[in-house]
Amino acid sequence: MPIIESLKAKLTPRPKDNKRIVIVGAGPTGLGAATRLSELQYDNWVLFDSYDEAGGLAYTYKDPQGFLWDVGGHVIFSHYKYFDDVLDQAVAEYNTHERESWVWMRGKFIPYPLQNNIGRLPPQDLEKCLHGLVEIQNATYDAPPKNFEEWLMRKMGKGIYDVFLGPYNFKVWAHYPKDMNVEWMGERVAPVDLKKILSNVVHQRDDIGWGPNATFRYPKYGGTGAIWKGVADKLPQEKLRFKKTVKSVDARKKVLVFSDGSVEKYDALVSTMQLDTLCTLTQGLSGKGLAHKAPDFRYSTSHIIGLGIKGQPPAHLKSKAWMYFPEDDAPFYRCTVLSNYSEHMVPQPGKQWSLMFEVAQSAFKPVNKDTLVDEVIAGAKSTKLISESDEIVSRHHMIFDHGYPTPFYGRDQLCKPIFEELERHDIYSRGRFGAWKYEVSNQDHSFMQGVEVADAVLGLDTSFAKQTTFLQPGVANAPQTRNDDPFTKFADQQAVAVPKKATHLIMRQEAVHNAAYEGGDSSPSASENST
């Protein structure tokens, strides 16, 4: 039974349309809020997005040659049954894959997770890693780790940090681990098991597989963006307004002003714009406002480079999903064999294949966009991904100014009073960059942030209204957590009463577009785990 039908049976009468709810952004979070409001049969809402279609950073682009490209390595897995049900309805056919991920180091591919397969490293590196692992076994500390660098060293040892985690994390985040906090860490790092590691080394055994995404599914047609197109297609189309870019927000008058001069009044605003952008655009707040806070946010810019190649992938890539690249022999930190996810990601299935590369940029890690594609191709050759004889038939370069919300040191102290001030004015900032919580920025998290905030804005007494994803990321990410039916505890009741009371820069070939406000989970695998 579809979600909306099963929910209708539990919500009689429907909530009253007493608030004008405006949603900014048609990525997973905005669509989550819209889906929930639609299911609740709540009618007084509208959604705006600056792009011409739904998807946000979870959109899939088609290049001039017909190859399809996601915005980074999207892997679908879920902490929520509700999200699973939405995915089941959004897309008719999925491919299911066993994850096969590798690390390119010292001139060869080593199975993921690296710490369980250090026996594949050269003797000097192996010895260094083992020394570090032994040192942390009985180590005691007077205080918690101050930053991400300390956290990694305590969890994995100095050897693995120096050999892999240190250089990789700088490459993926474009920020130094010592400048990042530790609050965001959860299930993203495979736990270290010294006995298991030693056994693998002694028996020369590979150990592949860990984490919440050991298997994953992917749309057979249309890339990740097909999911969000499917979700949007199920919503009332007259409530979806595209090509509408927010120019300013008047928090006192509760009015949005768009770049085309039009305005929209609201009672509650669910914004999935980047939080720093929202701070800059919002007027009418208490005191001196929030614009002066915007420069304090840290993020990285994402370069997505796609190579469409004639023929079939080489034998050593035919089953690989994605690979990590911590060393300096290539500018990219991750490469995905995107055509392995679905043969329909290329215009001529069986006759072409595709590789998608991710490169991070920041003030700490500059990138020359004019030479980057050539550098990526050179790196792909040096890391054995392609050969000199391969015929590249498509080169596609996309740039997303706000690619990843860095969990920088002091992030939570900066964001908490901002959220409080905004919500005093009925502005709810959620989503990948709206919440600025990388730890809950995957597609399932982002979607559920929207679902949960919808219940909260309406004042419903449901489990969703507690906003666990946004307020308690550790609980939302706990392996045993499955957030299912929000009405379970109200099984004996017939009704739940309602109280009476910006922009991503995408450079695609020669064109520049305003993208949607927020997106899903092209997560940069901050330690080793890809999401």
Protein backbone atom coordinates (compact mmCIF):
# COMPACT_ATOMS: atom_id res chain seq x y z
CA MET A 1 0.00 0.00 0.00
CA PRO A 2 1.46 3.42 -0.92
CA ILE A 3 2.54 5.62 1.97
CA ILE A 4 -0.06 8.26 1.28
CA GLU A 5 -2.94 5.77 1.36
CA SER A 6 -1.79 4.07 4.56
CA LEU A 7 -1.30 7.45 6.21
CA LYS A 8 -4.70 8.78 5.23
CA ALA A 9 -6.32 5.95 7.17
CA LYS A 10 -4.63 7.23 10.34
CA LEU A 11 -5.21 10.95 9.86
CA THR A 12 -8.89 11.76 10.08
CA PRO A 13 -9.62 14.62 9.91
CA ARG A 14 -6.68 16.08 8.01
CA PRO A 15 -4.63 18.99 9.48
CA LYS A 16 -6.13 22.44 9.01
CA ASP A 17 -4.50 24.69 6.40
CA ASN A 18 -3.87 27.47 8.88
CA LYS A 19 -0.24 28.26 7.95
CA ARG A 20 1.22 29.28 4.62
CA ILE A 21 4.33 27.08 4.39
CA VAL A 22 6.89 28.05 1.77
CA ILE A 23 9.68 25.62 0.89
CA VAL A 24 12.84 26.83 -0.82
CA GLY A 25 14.70 24.11 -2.70
CA ALA A 26 13.60 21.02 -4.64
CA GLY A 27 16.42 18.75 -3.55
CA PRO A 28 15.84 15.80 -1.20
CA THR A 29 15.06 17.96 1.85
CA GLY A 30 12.58 20.25 0.14
CA LEU A 31 10.94 17.29 -1.55
CA GLY A 32 10.81 15.50 1.79
CA ALA A 33 8.88 18.37 3.33
CA ALA A 34 6.58 18.62 0.31
CA THR A 35 5.97 14.87 0.28
CA ARG A 36 5.05 14.87 3.94
CA LEU A 37 2.71 17.84 3.64
CA SER A 38 1.04 16.23 0.64
CA GLU A 39 0.59 12.97 2.52
CA LEU A 40 -0.90 14.83 5.45
CA GLN A 41 -3.37 16.34 2.94
CA TYR A 42 -2.12 19.76 4.02
CA ASP A 43 -2.82 22.12 1.17
CA ASN A 44 -1.42 25.53 2.12
CA TRP A 45 2.15 25.17 0.84
CA VAL A 46 4.30 25.94 -2.19
CA LEU A 47 7.85 25.02 -3.23
CA PHE A 48 10.33 27.20 -5.14
CA ASP A 49 13.61 26.23 -6.78
CA SER A 50 16.11 28.18 -8.83
CA TYR A 51 16.76 25.37 -11.31
CA ASP A 52 14.33 24.12 -13.96
CA GLU A 53 13.88 20.62 -12.49
CA ALA A 54 13.90 18.91 -9.11
CA GLY A 55 16.93 17.18 -7.63
CA GLY A 56 19.37 19.72 -6.21
CA LEU A 57 22.80 18.19 -5.73
CA ALA A 58 21.14 14.81 -6.31
CA TYR A 59 20.30 15.78 -9.89
CA THR A 60 21.71 13.78 -12.82
CA TYR A 61 23.03 15.76 -15.78
CA LYS A 62 23.22 14.66 -19.41
CA ASP A 63 26.23 15.93 -21.32
CA PRO A 64 26.12 16.88 -25.03
CA GLN A 65 27.32 13.40 -26.00
CA GLY A 66 24.50 11.72 -24.07
CA PHE A 67 26.43 10.44 -21.03
CA LEU A 68 24.73 10.78 -17.64
CA TRP A 69 26.58 12.20 -14.63
CA ASP A 70 25.65 12.39 -10.98
CA VAL A 71 27.05 15.12 -8.76
CA GLY A 72 29.58 12.84 -7.09
CA GLY A 73 29.43 9.27 -5.85
CA HIS A 74 25.82 8.74 -4.81
CA VAL A 75 25.23 5.43 -3.07
CA ILE A 76 21.71 4.69 -1.91
CA PHE A 77 21.27 3.21 1.54
CA SER A 78 18.89 4.09 4.28
CA HIS A 79 18.37 4.45 8.02
CA TYR A 80 14.61 4.86 7.50
CA LYS A 81 11.81 2.57 6.36
CA TYR A 82 9.84 5.66 5.36
CA PHE A 83 12.62 6.62 2.94
CA ASP A 84 12.78 3.05 1.60
CA ASP A 85 9.07 3.16 0.83
CA VAL A 86 9.46 6.46 -1.01
CA LEU A 87 12.29 5.02 -3.10
CA ASP A 88 10.19 1.98 -3.94
CA GLN A 89 7.47 4.25 -5.31
CA ALA A 90 9.73 6.78 -7.04
CA VAL A 91 11.59 4.43 -9.39
CA ALA A 92 10.28 1.31 -11.08
CA GLU A 93 13.57 -0.54 -11.56
CA TYR A 94 16.78 -0.62 -9.55
CA ASN A 95 20.05 -2.44 -9.99
CA THR A 96 21.43 -3.93 -6.77
CA HIS A 97 25.20 -4.10 -6.32
CA GLU A 98 27.67 -5.55 -3.90
CA ARG A 99 30.00 -2.78 -2.91
CA GLU A 100 33.51 -3.31 -4.18
CA SER A 101 35.76 -0.43 -3.20
CA TRP A 102 39.51 -0.14 -3.31
CA VAL A 103 42.35 2.20 -2.39
CA TRP A 104 45.05 3.01 -4.95
CA MET A 105 48.35 3.18 -3.08
CA ARG A 106 51.95 2.42 -3.78
CA GLY A 107 51.21 1.60 -7.40
CA LYS A 108 48.44 -0.95 -6.83
CA PHE A 109 44.85 -1.40 -5.68
CA ILE A 110 44.37 -2.45 -2.06
CA PRO A 111 40.96 -3.65 -0.84
CA TYR A 112 38.84 -1.45 1.39
CA PRO A 113 38.92 -0.93 4.32
CA LEU A 114 42.63 -0.20 4.25
CA GLN A 115 43.26 -0.88 7.95
CA ASN A 116 42.05 -4.47 7.52
CA ASN A 117 44.28 -4.99 4.50
CA ILE A 118 47.57 -3.37 5.45
CA GLY A 119 49.27 -6.65 4.59
CA ARG A 120 49.08 -5.46 1.00
CA LEU A 121 51.32 -2.50 1.80
CA PRO A 122 55.10 -2.50 1.28
CA PRO A 123 57.05 -3.76 4.34
CA GLN A 124 58.11 -0.29 5.49
CA ASP A 125 54.52 1.01 5.46
CA LEU A 126 53.21 -2.19 7.04
CA GLU A 127 55.65 -1.93 9.91
CA LYS A 128 54.74 1.71 10.52
CA CYS A 129 51.01 0.89 10.54
CA LEU A 130 51.47 -2.05 12.92
CA HIS A 131 53.54 0.04 15.33
CA GLY A 132 50.80 2.65 15.44
CA LEU A 133 48.08 0.05 16.01
CA VAL A 134 49.99 -1.57 18.86
CA GLU A 135 50.61 1.82 20.51
CA ILE A 136 46.91 2.69 20.71
CA GLN A 137 45.80 -0.64 22.19
CA ASN A 138 46.47 0.32 25.79
CA ALA A 139 46.74 4.08 25.41
CA THR A 140 44.92 6.29 27.91
CA TYR A 141 44.10 9.96 27.51
CA ASP A 142 43.37 12.73 29.97
CA ALA A 143 40.89 14.49 27.68
CA PRO A 144 38.79 13.79 24.58
CA PRO A 145 40.42 14.46 21.20
CA LYS A 146 40.46 18.16 20.37
CA ASN A 147 40.00 17.74 16.64
CA PHE A 148 39.57 15.26 13.82
CA GLU A 149 43.30 14.69 13.44
CA GLU A 150 43.64 13.61 17.07
CA TRP A 151 40.53 11.47 16.78
CA LEU A 152 41.90 9.58 13.78
CA MET A 153 45.30 9.01 15.39
CA ARG A 154 43.69 7.64 18.54
CA LYS A 155 41.37 5.35 16.58
CA MET A 156 43.79 4.12 13.93
CA GLY A 157 47.29 4.90 15.13
CA LYS A 158 49.86 7.32 13.80
CA GLY A 159 51.07 4.89 11.15
CA ILE A 160 47.78 4.51 9.32
CA TYR A 161 47.18 8.23 9.74
CA ASP A 162 50.52 9.15 8.14
CA VAL A 163 50.30 6.54 5.40
CA PHE A 164 46.67 6.99 4.40
CA LEU A 165 44.15 8.88 6.53
CA GLY A 166 46.06 12.14 6.85
CA PRO A 167 46.80 12.73 3.17
CA TYR A 168 43.46 11.32 2.07
CA ASN A 169 41.37 13.50 4.35
CA PHE A 170 43.14 16.67 3.28
CA LYS A 171 42.61 15.68 -0.32
CA VAL A 172 38.92 14.92 0.13
CA TRP A 173 37.99 17.83 2.40
CA ALA A 174 40.46 20.45 1.13
CA HIS A 175 40.82 21.34 4.82
CA TYR A 176 43.33 20.10 7.36
CA PRO A 177 41.98 17.47 9.79
CA LYS A 178 43.33 19.51 12.71
CA ASP A 179 40.84 22.25 11.76
CA MET A 180 37.85 19.89 11.79
CA ASN A 181 35.67 18.85 14.71
CA VAL A 182 34.92 15.31 15.89
CA GLU A 183 31.20 15.62 16.57
CA TRP A 184 30.28 14.51 13.07
CA MET A 185 31.95 11.11 13.29
CA GLY A 186 29.70 8.10 13.70
CA GLU A 187 29.63 4.91 11.67
CA ARG A 188 31.80 6.37 8.93
CA VAL A 189 35.08 4.79 10.02
CA ALA A 190 35.48 1.05 10.08
CA PRO A 191 36.45 0.10 13.66
CA VAL A 192 39.93 -1.29 14.16
CA ASP A 193 40.33 -4.93 15.22
CA LEU A 194 44.02 -5.67 15.81
CA LYS A 195 43.58 -9.44 16.08
CA LYS A 196 41.71 -9.53 12.81
CA ILE A 197 44.29 -7.32 11.12
CA LEU A 198 47.18 -9.48 12.33
CA SER A 199 45.39 -12.62 11.17
CA ASN A 200 44.87 -11.09 7.74
CA VAL A 201 48.55 -10.16 7.54
CA VAL A 202 49.78 -13.60 8.64
CA HIS A 203 47.47 -15.49 6.29
CA GLN A 204 47.81 -12.98 3.46
CA ARG A 205 44.04 -12.71 3.40
CA ASP A 206 41.99 -9.90 1.90
CA ASP A 207 39.15 -8.52 4.00
CA ILE A 208 36.53 -6.66 2.01
CA GLY A 209 33.30 -5.21 3.29
CA TRP A 210 32.15 -3.00 6.15
CA GLY A 211 29.62 -0.38 6.89
CA PRO A 212 26.02 0.51 6.23
CA ASN A 213 26.41 0.37 2.47
CA ALA A 214 27.93 -3.09 1.92
CA THR A 215 25.22 -3.43 -0.72
CA PHE A 216 23.42 -0.64 -2.49
CA ARG A 217 20.81 -0.10 -5.14
CA TYR A 218 20.89 2.33 -8.01
CA PRO A 219 18.24 3.35 -10.56
CA LYS A 220 18.44 1.31 -13.74
CA TYR A 221 17.53 4.36 -15.79
CA GLY A 222 18.24 8.05 -15.33
CA GLY A 223 20.89 8.02 -12.59
CA THR A 224 20.28 9.18 -9.04
CA GLY A 225 18.29 12.12 -10.35
CA ALA A 226 15.57 9.71 -11.49
CA ILE A 227 14.66 9.14 -7.84
CA TRP A 228 13.96 12.79 -7.18
CA LYS A 229 12.21 13.32 -10.48
CA GLY A 230 9.96 10.43 -9.47
CA VAL A 231 9.32 11.94 -6.04
CA ALA A 232 8.55 15.34 -7.55
CA ASP A 233 6.23 13.83 -10.14
CA LYS A 234 4.00 12.47 -7.37
CA LEU A 235 3.47 15.92 -5.87
CA PRO A 236 0.78 18.43 -6.92
CA GLN A 237 2.51 20.02 -9.90
CA GLU A 238 0.82 23.39 -9.44
CA LYS A 239 2.68 23.78 -6.14
CA LEU A 240 6.14 23.38 -7.70
CA ARG A 241 7.62 26.64 -9.01
CA PHE A 242 10.93 26.38 -10.85
CA LYS A 243 13.38 29.00 -12.14
CA LYS A 244 12.71 31.12 -9.05
CA THR A 245 15.85 32.39 -7.31
CA VAL A 246 15.54 33.98 -3.88
CA LYS A 247 17.03 37.46 -3.75
CA SER A 248 16.13 38.37 -0.16
CA VAL A 249 14.16 37.24 2.88
CA ASP A 250 12.35 39.73 5.10
CA ALA A 251 12.04 37.89 8.41
CA ARG A 252 9.96 40.62 10.05
CA LYS A 253 7.39 40.93 7.25
CA LYS A 254 7.70 37.22 6.34
CA VAL A 255 8.19 37.88 2.66
CA LEU A 256 10.46 36.30 0.04
CA VAL A 257 11.67 38.47 -2.82
CA PHE A 258 12.81 36.71 -5.99
CA SER A 259 15.29 37.82 -8.62
CA ASP A 260 12.45 38.37 -11.12
CA GLY A 261 10.88 40.93 -8.76
CA SER A 262 8.02 38.74 -7.59
CA VAL A 263 7.28 38.24 -3.88
CA GLU A 264 5.78 35.48 -1.75
CA LYS A 265 4.41 35.80 1.77
CA TYR A 266 4.76 32.96 4.24
CA ASP A 267 3.87 32.01 7.80
CA ALA A 268 6.66 29.43 8.02
CA LEU A 269 9.69 29.13 5.75
CA VAL A 270 11.53 25.84 5.23
CA SER A 271 14.81 26.85 3.61
CA THR A 272 17.32 24.44 2.11
CA MET A 273 19.58 27.20 0.86
CA GLN A 274 23.15 27.19 2.09
CA LEU A 275 23.08 28.49 5.64
CA ASP A 276 25.74 31.10 4.94
CA THR A 277 23.70 32.34 1.97
CA LEU A 278 20.53 32.44 4.05
CA CYS A 279 22.35 34.51 6.69
CA THR A 280 23.40 36.98 4.01
CA LEU A 281 19.97 37.26 2.36
CA THR A 282 17.84 37.52 5.49
CA GLN A 283 16.82 40.94 6.78
CA GLY A 284 14.61 42.01 9.65
CA LEU A 285 16.23 39.85 12.32
CA SER A 286 17.14 40.86 15.85
CA GLY A 287 20.14 43.09 16.53
CA LYS A 288 22.60 43.37 13.67
CA GLY A 289 21.27 40.31 11.90
CA LEU A 290 23.26 37.32 10.69
CA ALA A 291 25.07 38.49 7.56
CA HIS A 292 28.29 39.04 9.51
CA LYS A 293 28.30 35.33 10.41
CA ALA A 294 28.43 34.14 6.80
CA PRO A 295 32.24 34.41 6.34
CA ASP A 296 32.78 32.11 9.33
CA PHE A 297 31.42 29.07 7.49
CA ARG A 298 33.82 26.67 5.81
CA TYR A 299 33.05 24.47 2.84
CA SER A 300 34.75 22.99 -0.18
CA THR A 301 34.03 23.40 -3.86
CA SER A 302 33.46 20.21 -5.85
CA HIS A 303 34.74 19.52 -9.33
CA ILE A 304 33.03 16.59 -11.05
CA ILE A 305 34.86 15.36 -14.14
CA GLY A 306 33.27 12.71 -16.30
CA LEU A 307 35.07 10.72 -18.97
CA GLY A 308 33.02 8.78 -21.50
CA ILE A 309 35.14 6.09 -23.11
CA LYS A 310 34.66 3.90 -26.15
CA GLY A 311 34.61 0.13 -25.66
CA GLN A 312 34.42 -1.76 -22.37
CA PRO A 313 36.27 -1.26 -19.06
CA PRO A 314 39.44 -3.27 -18.50
CA ALA A 315 39.13 -6.54 -16.60
CA HIS A 316 40.37 -5.08 -13.30
CA LEU A 317 37.58 -2.47 -13.30
CA LYS A 318 34.63 -4.59 -14.44
CA SER A 319 33.38 -5.27 -10.90
CA LYS A 320 34.74 -2.23 -9.06
CA ALA A 321 32.31 0.39 -7.75
CA TRP A 322 34.58 3.18 -6.58
CA MET A 323 38.20 3.76 -5.61
CA TYR A 324 40.05 6.13 -3.28
CA PHE A 325 43.25 7.97 -4.24
CA PRO A 326 45.19 9.45 -1.30
CA GLU A 327 48.46 10.03 -3.14
CA ASP A 328 49.71 12.89 -5.31
CA ASP A 329 49.85 10.91 -8.55
CA ALA A 330 46.31 12.05 -9.36
CA PRO A 331 44.31 15.20 -8.52
CA PHE A 332 41.11 13.29 -7.72
CA TYR A 333 40.33 11.72 -4.35
CA ARG A 334 37.72 9.30 -5.66
CA CYS A 335 36.76 7.70 -8.94
CA THR A 336 33.51 5.87 -9.62
CA VAL A 337 33.01 3.43 -12.48
CA LEU A 338 29.60 4.94 -13.07
CA SER A 339 28.69 2.69 -15.98
CA ASN A 340 29.02 -0.27 -13.60
CA TYR A 341 26.10 1.14 -11.59
CA SER A 342 23.89 1.02 -14.67
CA GLU A 343 24.66 0.24 -18.27
CA HIS A 344 22.22 2.99 -19.22
CA MET A 345 24.48 5.75 -17.89
CA VAL A 346 26.08 5.77 -21.35
CA PRO A 347 24.35 6.49 -24.69
CA GLN A 348 25.49 3.20 -26.25
CA PRO A 349 25.29 0.45 -23.60
CA GLY A 350 27.78 -2.31 -24.23
CA LYS A 351 29.84 -0.12 -26.52
CA GLN A 352 30.87 2.60 -24.04
CA TRP A 353 31.74 3.00 -20.37
CA SER A 354 32.27 5.90 -18.02
CA LEU A 355 34.42 7.11 -15.14
CA MET A 356 33.45 9.92 -12.78
CA PHE A 357 36.15 11.75 -10.81
CA GLU A 358 35.82 14.04 -7.79
CA VAL A 359 38.24 16.85 -6.92
CA ALA A 360 37.93 19.14 -3.90
CA GLN A 361 38.95 22.79 -3.85
CA SER A 362 39.30 25.44 -1.15
CA ALA A 363 41.54 28.32 -0.19
CA PHE A 364 43.82 25.71 1.41
CA LYS A 365 43.81 23.53 -1.72
CA PRO A 366 43.60 25.58 -4.92
CA VAL A 367 42.64 24.06 -8.27
CA ASN A 368 43.31 25.33 -11.78
CA LYS A 369 39.97 24.70 -13.46
CA ASP A 370 41.41 25.43 -16.90
CA THR A 371 43.88 22.55 -16.75
CA LEU A 372 42.04 20.21 -14.39
CA VAL A 373 40.46 17.92 -16.99
CA ASP A 374 43.85 17.26 -18.59
CA GLU A 375 45.33 16.64 -15.14
CA VAL A 376 42.55 14.17 -14.36
CA ILE A 377 43.17 12.30 -17.61
CA ALA A 378 46.89 12.14 -16.86
CA GLY A 379 46.10 10.90 -13.34
CA ALA A 380 43.71 8.29 -14.70
CA LYS A 381 46.49 6.94 -16.87
CA SER A 382 49.09 6.92 -14.09
CA THR A 383 46.72 5.01 -11.79
CA LYS A 384 45.85 2.38 -14.42
CA LEU A 385 42.24 3.47 -14.84
CA ILE A 386 42.65 4.11 -18.54
CA SER A 387 45.40 3.45 -21.05
CA GLU A 388 46.97 5.51 -23.80
CA SER A 389 44.97 3.53 -26.35
CA ASP A 390 41.57 4.28 -24.81
CA GLU A 391 39.41 6.58 -26.92
CA ILE A 392 37.75 9.27 -24.79
CA VAL A 393 34.55 10.38 -26.51
CA SER A 394 33.22 12.72 -23.81
CA ARG A 395 34.87 15.08 -21.33
CA HIS A 396 32.45 16.71 -18.93
CA HIS A 397 33.41 19.17 -16.18
CA MET A 398 30.95 20.49 -13.59
CA ILE A 399 31.84 22.88 -10.76
CA PHE A 400 29.71 23.23 -7.64
CA ASP A 401 30.78 26.15 -5.49
CA HIS A 402 29.21 24.67 -2.35
CA GLY A 403 30.14 21.01 -2.67
CA TYR A 404 30.63 19.78 0.89
CA PRO A 405 29.73 21.41 4.22
CA THR A 406 32.97 21.11 6.16
CA PRO A 407 32.50 20.01 9.80
CA PHE A 408 34.94 22.70 10.85
CA TYR A 409 36.15 23.28 14.37
CA GLY A 410 33.61 25.47 16.14
CA ARG A 411 30.81 24.64 13.70
CA ASP A 412 28.17 23.75 16.28
CA GLN A 413 28.93 26.82 18.40
CA LEU A 414 28.46 28.99 15.31
CA CYS A 415 25.30 27.32 14.03
CA LYS A 416 23.27 26.85 17.21
CA PRO A 417 22.46 30.54 17.87
CA ILE A 418 21.83 31.05 14.16
CA PHE A 419 19.21 28.30 14.09
CA GLU A 420 17.64 29.71 17.24
CA GLU A 421 17.41 33.22 15.81
CA LEU A 422 15.96 31.99 12.52
CA GLU A 423 13.38 29.78 14.19
CA ARG A 424 12.26 32.65 16.40
CA HIS A 425 11.17 34.14 13.10
CA ASP A 426 9.61 30.88 11.81
CA ILE A 427 12.50 30.14 9.44
CA TYR A 428 13.67 26.52 9.48
CA SER A 429 17.01 25.90 7.80
CA ARG A 430 17.46 22.24 6.92
CA GLY A 431 19.26 20.00 4.45
CA ARG A 432 22.79 19.30 3.33
CA PHE A 433 23.90 22.93 3.56
CA GLY A 434 20.87 24.27 5.38
CA ALA A 435 21.72 22.27 8.50
CA TRP A 436 25.47 22.27 7.76
CA LYS A 437 25.73 18.82 9.34
CA TYR A 438 27.70 16.56 7.06
CA GLU A 439 26.94 13.62 9.34
CA VAL A 440 23.27 13.77 8.32
CA SER A 441 23.61 14.96 4.73
CA ASN A 442 23.13 11.73 2.80
CA GLN A 443 20.02 11.47 0.66
CA ASP A 444 18.04 9.56 3.28
CA HIS A 445 19.04 12.02 6.01
CA SER A 446 18.32 15.04 3.85
CA PHE A 447 14.91 13.77 2.81
CA MET A 448 13.96 12.91 6.38
CA GLN A 449 15.05 16.33 7.64
CA GLY A 450 12.33 17.68 5.37
CA VAL A 451 9.77 15.12 6.49
CA GLU A 452 10.49 15.77 10.14
CA VAL A 453 10.47 19.55 9.95
CA ALA A 454 7.08 19.43 8.22
CA ASP A 455 5.60 17.70 11.27
CA ALA A 456 7.37 20.13 13.58
CA VAL A 457 6.11 23.21 11.73
CA LEU A 458 2.56 21.87 11.90
CA GLY A 459 2.93 21.18 15.61
CA LEU A 460 2.07 17.49 15.29
CA ASP A 461 2.67 15.21 18.26
CA THR A 462 4.55 12.54 16.28
CA SER A 463 7.95 10.92 16.46
CA PHE A 464 8.92 12.76 13.27
CA ALA A 465 8.20 16.10 14.95
CA LYS A 466 11.05 15.40 17.37
CA GLN A 467 13.39 16.00 14.41
CA THR A 468 15.82 13.30 15.47
CA THR A 469 17.82 13.53 12.26
CA PHE A 470 18.54 17.24 12.65
CA LEU A 471 18.79 17.45 16.44
CA GLN A 472 20.35 14.07 17.29
CA PRO A 473 22.51 12.87 14.39
CA GLY A 474 24.18 10.23 16.55
CA VAL A 475 20.82 8.65 17.31
CA ALA A 476 19.71 8.83 13.68
CA ASN A 477 22.94 7.15 12.57
CA ALA A 478 22.99 4.43 15.22
CA PRO A 479 23.12 1.02 13.46
CA GLN A 480 20.10 -0.23 15.41
CA THR A 481 17.98 2.82 14.64
CA ARG A 482 15.17 2.48 12.13
CA ASN A 483 12.74 5.38 12.14
CA ASP A 484 9.54 3.80 10.89
CA ASP A 485 5.88 4.65 11.42
CA PRO A 486 5.56 8.06 13.12
CA PHE A 487 2.11 7.11 14.38
CA THR A 488 3.02 3.86 16.13
CA LYS A 489 2.53 5.30 19.60
CA PHE A 490 -0.86 6.71 18.53
CA ALA A 491 -2.22 3.41 17.26
CA ASP A 492 -5.38 3.72 19.35
CA GLN A 493 -6.13 7.26 18.20
CA GLN A 494 -7.98 8.21 15.06
CA ALA A 495 -6.57 11.68 14.64
CA VAL A 496 -3.57 13.85 15.38
CA ALA A 497 -4.72 17.40 16.02
CA VAL A 498 -2.94 20.46 14.66
CA PRO A 499 -2.82 23.42 17.07
CA LYS A 500 -4.59 26.61 15.90
CA LYS A 501 -2.10 28.92 15.88
CA ALA A 502 21.02 29.61 -2.65
CA THR A 503 22.50 28.90 -5.10
CA HIS A 504 25.03 26.42 -6.45
CA LEU A 505 27.24 27.55 -9.28
CA ILE A 506 27.47 24.89 -11.96
CA MET A 507 29.85 25.32 -14.84
CA ARG A 508 28.81 22.82 -17.47
CA GLN A 509 30.88 22.97 -20.62
CA GLU A 510 30.62 26.66 -21.57
CA ALA A 511 27.31 27.33 -19.82
CA VAL A 512 26.75 28.59 -16.30
CA HIS A 513 23.56 27.60 -14.49
CA ASN A 514 21.90 28.32 -11.18
CA ALA A 515 21.37 24.92 -9.63
CA ALA A 516 18.79 23.87 -7.10
CA TYR A 517 19.26 24.82 -3.49
CA GLU A 518 20.32 21.59 -1.89
CA GLY A 519 21.06 18.00 -2.62
CA GLY A 520 21.81 14.57 -1.36
CA ASP A 521 24.72 12.42 -0.48
CA SER A 522 27.62 12.63 -2.84
CA SER A 523 29.56 12.27 0.35
CA PRO A 524 33.33 12.52 0.26
CA SER A 525 34.11 9.56 2.44
CA ALA A 526 35.88 11.52 5.13
CA SER A 527 37.79 8.59 6.48
CA GLU A 528 37.19 5.59 4.34
CA ASN A 529 33.51 4.91 4.08
CA SER A 530 31.78 6.02 0.91
CA THR A 531 28.25 7.27 1.09
